[in-house]
PDB file of N, CA and C in Angstrom:
ATOM      1  N   MET A   1       4.384 -29.605 -53.181  1.00  0.00           N
ATOM      2  CA  MET A   1       4.122 -28.294 -52.671  1.00  0.00           C
ATOM      3  C   MET A   1       4.018 -28.290 -51.147  1.00  0.00           C
ATOM      4  N   GLN A   2       3.410 -29.275 -50.564  1.00  0.00           N
ATOM      5  CA  GLN A   2       3.194 -29.240 -49.123  1.00  0.00           C
ATOM      6  C   GLN A   2       4.506 -29.249 -48.342  1.00  0.00           C
ATOM      7  N   ARG A   3       5.501 -29.924 -48.837  1.00  0.00           N
ATOM      8  CA  ARG A   3       6.757 -30.002 -48.105  1.00  0.00           C
ATOM      9  C   ARG A   3       7.512 -28.668 -48.130  1.00  0.00           C
ATOM     10  N   HIS A   4       7.625 -28.054 -49.298  1.00  0.00           N
ATOM     11  CA  HIS A   4       8.394 -26.825 -49.431  1.00  0.00           C
ATOM     12  C   HIS A   4       7.534 -25.576 -49.504  1.00  0.00           C
ATOM     13  N   ARG A   5       6.253 -25.751 -49.592  1.00  0.00           N
ATOM     14  CA  ARG A   5       5.267 -24.664 -49.557  1.00  0.00           C
ATOM     15  C   ARG A   5       5.456 -23.643 -50.681  1.00  0.00           C
ATOM     16  N   PHE A   6       5.560 -24.128 -51.910  1.00  0.00           N
ATOM     17  CA  PHE A   6       5.555 -23.233 -53.052  1.00  0.00           C
ATOM     18  C   PHE A   6       4.892 -23.929 -54.236  1.00  0.00           C
ATOM     19  N   VAL A   7       4.432 -23.130 -55.165  1.00  0.00           N
ATOM     20  CA  VAL A   7       3.841 -23.622 -56.403  1.00  0.00           C
ATOM     21  C   VAL A   7       4.658 -23.029 -57.543  1.00  0.00           C
ATOM     22  N   LEU A   8       5.038 -23.843 -58.488  1.00  0.00           N
ATOM     23  CA  LEU A   8       5.762 -23.373 -59.662  1.00  0.00           C
ATOM     24  C   LEU A   8       4.844 -23.516 -60.867  1.00  0.00           C
ATOM     25  N   VAL A   9       4.680 -22.442 -61.599  1.00  0.00           N
ATOM     26  CA  VAL A   9       3.921 -22.460 -62.844  1.00  0.00           C
ATOM     27  C   VAL A   9       4.892 -22.060 -63.940  1.00  0.00           C
ATOM     28  N   ALA A  10       5.021 -22.878 -64.966  1.00  0.00           N
ATOM     29  CA  ALA A  10       6.007 -22.628 -66.016  1.00  0.00           C
ATOM     30  C   ALA A  10       5.342 -22.641 -67.392  1.00  0.00           C
ATOM     31  N   PRO A  11       4.712 -21.544 -67.777  1.00  0.00           N
ATOM     32  CA  PRO A  11       4.070 -21.501 -69.095  1.00  0.00           C
ATOM     33  C   PRO A  11       5.119 -21.533 -70.199  1.00  0.00           C
ATOM     34  N   ALA A  12       4.778 -22.150 -71.311  1.00  0.00           N
ATOM     35  CA  ALA A  12       5.733 -22.310 -72.400  1.00  0.00           C
ATOM     36  C   ALA A  12       5.371 -21.491 -73.636  1.00  0.00           C
ATOM     37  N   GLY A  13       4.333 -20.681 -73.564  1.00  0.00           N
ATOM     38  CA  GLY A  13       3.933 -19.911 -74.737  1.00  0.00           C
ATOM     39  C   GLY A  13       3.201 -20.776 -75.746  1.00  0.00           C
ATOM     40  N   ILE A  14       2.917 -20.193 -76.898  1.00  0.00           N
ATOM     41  CA  ILE A  14       2.236 -20.908 -77.972  1.00  0.00           C
ATOM     42  C   ILE A  14       3.286 -21.637 -78.803  1.00  0.00           C
ATOM     43  N   MET A  15       3.176 -22.950 -78.845  1.00  0.00           N
ATOM     44  CA  MET A  15       4.151 -23.771 -79.571  1.00  0.00           C
ATOM     45  C   MET A  15       5.576 -23.373 -79.190  1.00  0.00           C
ATOM     46  N   ALA A  16       5.790 -23.179 -77.879  1.00  0.00           N
ATOM     47  CA  ALA A  16       7.094 -22.822 -77.299  1.00  0.00           C
ATOM     48  C   ALA A  16       7.612 -21.483 -77.806  1.00  0.00           C
ATOM     49  N   SER A  17       6.709 -20.555 -78.118  1.00  0.00           N
ATOM     50  CA  SER A  17       7.145 -19.234 -78.555  1.00  0.00           C
ATOM     51  C   SER A  17       6.344 -18.150 -77.843  1.00  0.00           C
ATOM     52  N   TRP A  18       6.917 -16.962 -77.802  1.00  0.00           N
ATOM     53  CA  TRP A  18       6.294 -15.795 -77.192  1.00  0.00           C
ATOM     54  C   TRP A  18       6.331 -14.654 -78.209  1.00  0.00           C
ATOM     55  N   ASN A  19       5.417 -13.729 -78.082  1.00  0.00           N
ATOM     56  CA  ASN A  19       5.378 -12.568 -78.968  1.00  0.00           C
ATOM     57  C   ASN A  19       6.336 -11.523 -78.408  1.00  0.00           C
ATOM     58  N   ALA A  20       7.610 -11.696 -78.702  1.00  0.00           N
ATOM     59  CA  ALA A  20       8.659 -10.864 -78.096  1.00  0.00           C
ATOM     60  C   ALA A  20       9.561 -10.241 -79.151  1.00  0.00           C
ATOM     61  N   GLY A  21       8.961  -9.597 -80.116  1.00  0.00           N
ATOM     62  CA  GLY A  21       9.771  -8.962 -81.143  1.00  0.00           C
ATOM     63  C   GLY A  21       9.863  -9.822 -82.381  1.00  0.00           C
ATOM     64  N   GLY A  22      10.873  -9.569 -83.177  1.00  0.00           N
ATOM     65  CA  GLY A  22      11.014 -10.239 -84.456  1.00  0.00           C
ATOM     66  C   GLY A  22      11.573 -11.645 -84.399  1.00  0.00           C
ATOM     67  N   CYS A  23      11.791 -12.161 -83.210  1.00  0.00           N
ATOM     68  CA  CYS A  23      12.500 -13.436 -83.081  1.00  0.00           C
ATOM     69  C   CYS A  23      11.620 -14.665 -82.995  1.00  0.00           C
ATOM     70  N   CYS A  24      10.252 -14.498 -82.876  1.00  0.00           N
ATOM     71  CA  CYS A  24       9.572 -15.487 -82.045  1.00  0.00           C
ATOM     72  C   CYS A  24       8.428 -16.292 -82.639  1.00  0.00           C
ATOM     73  N   GLY A  25       8.569 -16.780 -83.812  1.00  0.00           N
ATOM     74  CA  GLY A  25       7.685 -17.801 -84.350  1.00  0.00           C
ATOM     75  C   GLY A  25       6.204 -17.494 -84.383  1.00  0.00           C
ATOM     76  N   ILE A  26       5.412 -18.525 -84.118  1.00  0.00           N
ATOM     77  CA  ILE A  26       3.960 -18.481 -84.288  1.00  0.00           C
ATOM     78  C   ILE A  26       3.290 -17.448 -83.390  1.00  0.00           C
ATOM     79  N   ALA A  27       3.781 -17.249 -82.200  1.00  0.00           N
ATOM     80  CA  ALA A  27       3.168 -16.254 -81.306  1.00  0.00           C
ATOM     81  C   ALA A  27       3.256 -14.858 -81.915  1.00  0.00           C
ATOM     82  N   ARG A  28       4.370 -14.545 -82.496  1.00  0.00           N
ATOM     83  CA  ARG A  28       4.538 -13.245 -83.157  1.00  0.00           C
ATOM     84  C   ARG A  28       3.675 -13.172 -84.411  1.00  0.00           C
ATOM     85  N   ALA A  29       3.707 -14.227 -85.202  1.00  0.00           N
ATOM     86  CA  ALA A  29       2.970 -14.251 -86.468  1.00  0.00           C
ATOM     87  C   ALA A  29       1.467 -14.112 -86.261  1.00  0.00           C
ATOM     88  N   THR A  30       0.952 -14.636 -85.155  1.00  0.00           N
ATOM     89  CA  THR A  30      -0.496 -14.575 -84.889  1.00  0.00           C
ATOM     90  C   THR A  30      -0.860 -13.477 -83.899  1.00  0.00           C
ATOM     91  N   GLN A  31       0.124 -12.647 -83.542  1.00  0.00           N
ATOM     92  CA  GLN A  31      -0.084 -11.502 -82.651  1.00  0.00           C
ATOM     93  C   GLN A  31      -0.715 -11.899 -81.303  1.00  0.00           C
ATOM     94  N   VAL A  32      -0.203 -12.961 -80.708  1.00  0.00           N
ATOM     95  CA  VAL A  32      -0.650 -13.400 -79.383  1.00  0.00           C
ATOM     96  C   VAL A  32      -0.353 -12.296 -78.378  1.00  0.00           C
ATOM     97  N   ASN A  33      -1.305 -12.013 -77.498  1.00  0.00           N
ATOM     98  CA  ASN A  33      -1.111 -10.990 -76.466  1.00  0.00           C
ATOM     99  C   ASN A  33      -0.576 -11.666 -75.208  1.00  0.00           C
ATOM    100  N   ASP A  34       0.745 -11.768 -75.116  1.00  0.00           N
ATOM    101  CA  ASP A  34       1.380 -12.445 -73.984  1.00  0.00           C
ATOM    102  C   ASP A  34       1.134 -11.724 -72.661  1.00  0.00           C
ATOM    103  N   VAL A  35       1.059 -10.403 -72.683  1.00  0.00           N
ATOM    104  CA  VAL A  35       0.848  -9.646 -71.446  1.00  0.00           C
ATOM    105  C   VAL A  35      -0.512  -9.994 -70.847  1.00  0.00           C
ATOM    106  N   ASP A  36      -1.561  -9.996 -71.658  1.00  0.00           N
ATOM    107  CA  ASP A  36      -2.888 -10.364 -71.153  1.00  0.00           C
ATOM    108  C   ASP A  36      -2.926 -11.812 -70.683  1.00  0.00           C
ATOM    109  N   TYR A  37      -2.262 -12.699 -71.441  1.00  0.00           N
ATOM    110  CA  TYR A  37      -2.218 -14.104 -71.056  1.00  0.00           C
ATOM    111  C   TYR A  37      -1.557 -14.283 -69.690  1.00  0.00           C
ATOM    112  N   LEU A  38      -0.405 -13.657 -69.495  1.00  0.00           N
ATOM    113  CA  LEU A  38       0.309 -13.805 -68.224  1.00  0.00           C
ATOM    114  C   LEU A  38      -0.450 -13.142 -67.080  1.00  0.00           C
ATOM    115  N   ALA A  39      -1.095 -11.998 -67.322  1.00  0.00           N
ATOM    116  CA  ALA A  39      -1.897 -11.345 -66.288  1.00  0.00           C
ATOM    117  C   ALA A  39      -3.048 -12.257 -65.858  1.00  0.00           C
ATOM    118  N   SER A  40      -3.697 -12.891 -66.826  1.00  0.00           N
ATOM    119  CA  SER A  40      -4.785 -13.819 -66.518  1.00  0.00           C
ATOM    120  C   SER A  40      -4.273 -15.032 -65.748  1.00  0.00           C
ATOM    121  N   LEU A  41      -3.129 -15.552 -66.151  1.00  0.00           N
ATOM    122  CA  LEU A  41      -2.540 -16.698 -65.457  1.00  0.00           C
ATOM    123  C   LEU A  41      -2.198 -16.347 -64.007  1.00  0.00           C
ATOM    124  N   ILE A  42      -1.622 -15.173 -63.791  1.00  0.00           N
ATOM    125  CA  ILE A  42      -1.294 -14.732 -62.432  1.00  0.00           C
ATOM    126  C   ILE A  42      -2.570 -14.604 -61.601  1.00  0.00           C
ATOM    127  N   ASP A  43      -3.624 -14.041 -62.172  1.00  0.00           N
ATOM    128  CA  ASP A  43      -4.901 -13.929 -61.455  1.00  0.00           C
ATOM    129  C   ASP A  43      -5.427 -15.304 -61.056  1.00  0.00           C
ATOM    130  N   ARG A  44      -5.310 -16.278 -61.953  1.00  0.00           N
ATOM    131  CA  ARG A  44      -5.777 -17.636 -61.645  1.00  0.00           C
ATOM    132  C   ARG A  44      -4.953 -18.262 -60.527  1.00  0.00           C
ATOM    133  N   VAL A  45      -3.651 -18.057 -60.549  1.00  0.00           N
ATOM    134  CA  VAL A  45      -2.785 -18.607 -59.495  1.00  0.00           C
ATOM    135  C   VAL A  45      -3.114 -17.947 -58.159  1.00  0.00           C
ATOM    136  N   LYS A  46      -3.258 -16.630 -58.160  1.00  0.00           N
ATOM    137  CA  LYS A  46      -3.545 -15.898 -56.917  1.00  0.00           C
ATOM    138  C   LYS A  46      -4.900 -16.272 -56.324  1.00  0.00           C
ATOM    139  N   ALA A  47      -5.822 -16.755 -57.141  1.00  0.00           N
ATOM    140  CA  ALA A  47      -7.156 -17.130 -56.666  1.00  0.00           C
ATOM    141  C   ALA A  47      -7.181 -18.497 -55.978  1.00  0.00           C
ATOM    142  N   ARG A  48      -6.106 -19.241 -56.102  1.00  0.00           N
ATOM    143  CA  ARG A  48      -6.061 -20.563 -55.456  1.00  0.00           C
ATOM    144  C   ARG A  48      -6.049 -20.395 -53.935  1.00  0.00           C
ATOM    145  N   PRO A  49      -6.776 -21.246 -53.228  1.00  0.00           N
ATOM    146  CA  PRO A  49      -6.824 -21.112 -51.771  1.00  0.00           C
ATOM    147  C   PRO A  49      -5.495 -21.433 -51.080  1.00  0.00           C
ATOM    148  N   ASP A  50      -4.616 -22.160 -51.757  1.00  0.00           N
ATOM    149  CA  ASP A  50      -3.330 -22.526 -51.158  1.00  0.00           C
ATOM    150  C   ASP A  50      -2.199 -21.578 -51.548  1.00  0.00           C
ATOM    151  N   VAL A  51      -2.535 -20.418 -52.133  1.00  0.00           N
ATOM    152  CA  VAL A  51      -1.529 -19.444 -52.560  1.00  0.00           C
ATOM    153  C   VAL A  51      -1.760 -18.124 -51.835  1.00  0.00           C
ATOM    154  N   ASP A  52      -0.693 -17.579 -51.274  1.00  0.00           N
ATOM    155  CA  ASP A  52      -0.738 -16.245 -50.668  1.00  0.00           C
ATOM    156  C   ASP A  52      -0.580 -15.236 -51.805  1.00  0.00           C
ATOM    157  N   PRO A  53      -1.623 -14.474 -52.140  1.00  0.00           N
ATOM    158  CA  PRO A  53      -1.556 -13.574 -53.292  1.00  0.00           C
ATOM    159  C   PRO A  53      -0.511 -12.472 -53.161  1.00  0.00           C
ATOM    160  N   SER A  54      -0.045 -12.207 -51.961  1.00  0.00           N
ATOM    161  CA  SER A  54       0.997 -11.183 -51.791  1.00  0.00           C
ATOM    162  C   SER A  54       2.399 -11.746 -52.033  1.00  0.00           C
ATOM    163  N   ARG A  55       2.474 -13.042 -52.324  1.00  0.00           N
ATOM    164  CA  ARG A  55       3.783 -13.671 -52.535  1.00  0.00           C
ATOM    165  C   ARG A  55       3.855 -14.397 -53.880  1.00  0.00           C
ATOM    166  N   VAL A  56       3.274 -13.785 -54.887  1.00  0.00           N
ATOM    167  CA  VAL A  56       3.333 -14.337 -56.241  1.00  0.00           C
ATOM    168  C   VAL A  56       4.372 -13.536 -57.013  1.00  0.00           C
ATOM    169  N   TYR A  57       5.307 -14.232 -57.636  1.00  0.00           N
ATOM    170  CA  TYR A  57       6.409 -13.585 -58.334  1.00  0.00           C
ATOM    171  C   TYR A  57       6.462 -14.075 -59.777  1.00  0.00           C
ATOM    172  N   LEU A  58       6.936 -13.222 -60.655  1.00  0.00           N
ATOM    173  CA  LEU A  58       7.094 -13.575 -62.059  1.00  0.00           C
ATOM    174  C   LEU A  58       8.549 -13.343 -62.437  1.00  0.00           C
ATOM    175  N   TRP A  59       9.139 -14.314 -63.134  1.00  0.00           N
ATOM    176  CA  TRP A  59      10.520 -14.186 -63.572  1.00  0.00           C
ATOM    177  C   TRP A  59      10.593 -14.649 -65.017  1.00  0.00           C
ATOM    178  N   GLY A  60      11.423 -14.017 -65.778  1.00  0.00           N
ATOM    179  CA  GLY A  60      11.644 -14.448 -67.155  1.00  0.00           C
ATOM    180  C   GLY A  60      13.060 -14.144 -67.565  1.00  0.00           C
ATOM    181  N   SER A  61      13.545 -14.889 -68.515  1.00  0.00           N
ATOM    182  CA  SER A  61      14.888 -14.634 -69.009  1.00  0.00           C
ATOM    183  C   SER A  61      14.808 -13.727 -70.234  1.00  0.00           C
ATOM    184  N   PRO A  62      15.857 -12.982 -70.488  1.00  0.00           N
ATOM    185  CA  PRO A  62      15.850 -12.075 -71.652  1.00  0.00           C
ATOM    186  C   PRO A  62      15.820 -12.866 -72.957  1.00  0.00           C
ATOM    187  N   THR A  63      15.210 -12.285 -73.953  1.00  0.00           N
ATOM    188  CA  THR A  63      15.160 -12.895 -75.275  1.00  0.00           C
ATOM    189  C   THR A  63      16.472 -12.605 -76.005  1.00  0.00           C
ATOM    190  N   VAL A  64      17.019 -13.610 -76.607  1.00  0.00           N
ATOM    191  CA  VAL A  64      18.233 -13.448 -77.394  1.00  0.00           C
ATOM    192  C   VAL A  64      17.830 -13.407 -78.852  1.00  0.00           C
ATOM    193  N   GLU A  65      18.176 -12.327 -79.517  1.00  0.00           N
ATOM    194  CA  GLU A  65      17.821 -12.204 -80.939  1.00  0.00           C
ATOM    195  C   GLU A  65      19.036 -12.336 -81.807  1.00  0.00           C
TER     196      GLU A  65
END
């Protein structure tokens, strides 16, 4: 991080699944709230002293069903 000045956080969901419709394994079956989880994760990242909270970005790829 010190050389390029960025932090990468790559959550993998529950057992590599997300609650994203009818496609998605255990997260869907157990009704995991991915939105709350990701919001909490972003808050934790933004609270780090080495992170500029105005430069936190979220990216995801579309789900293929």
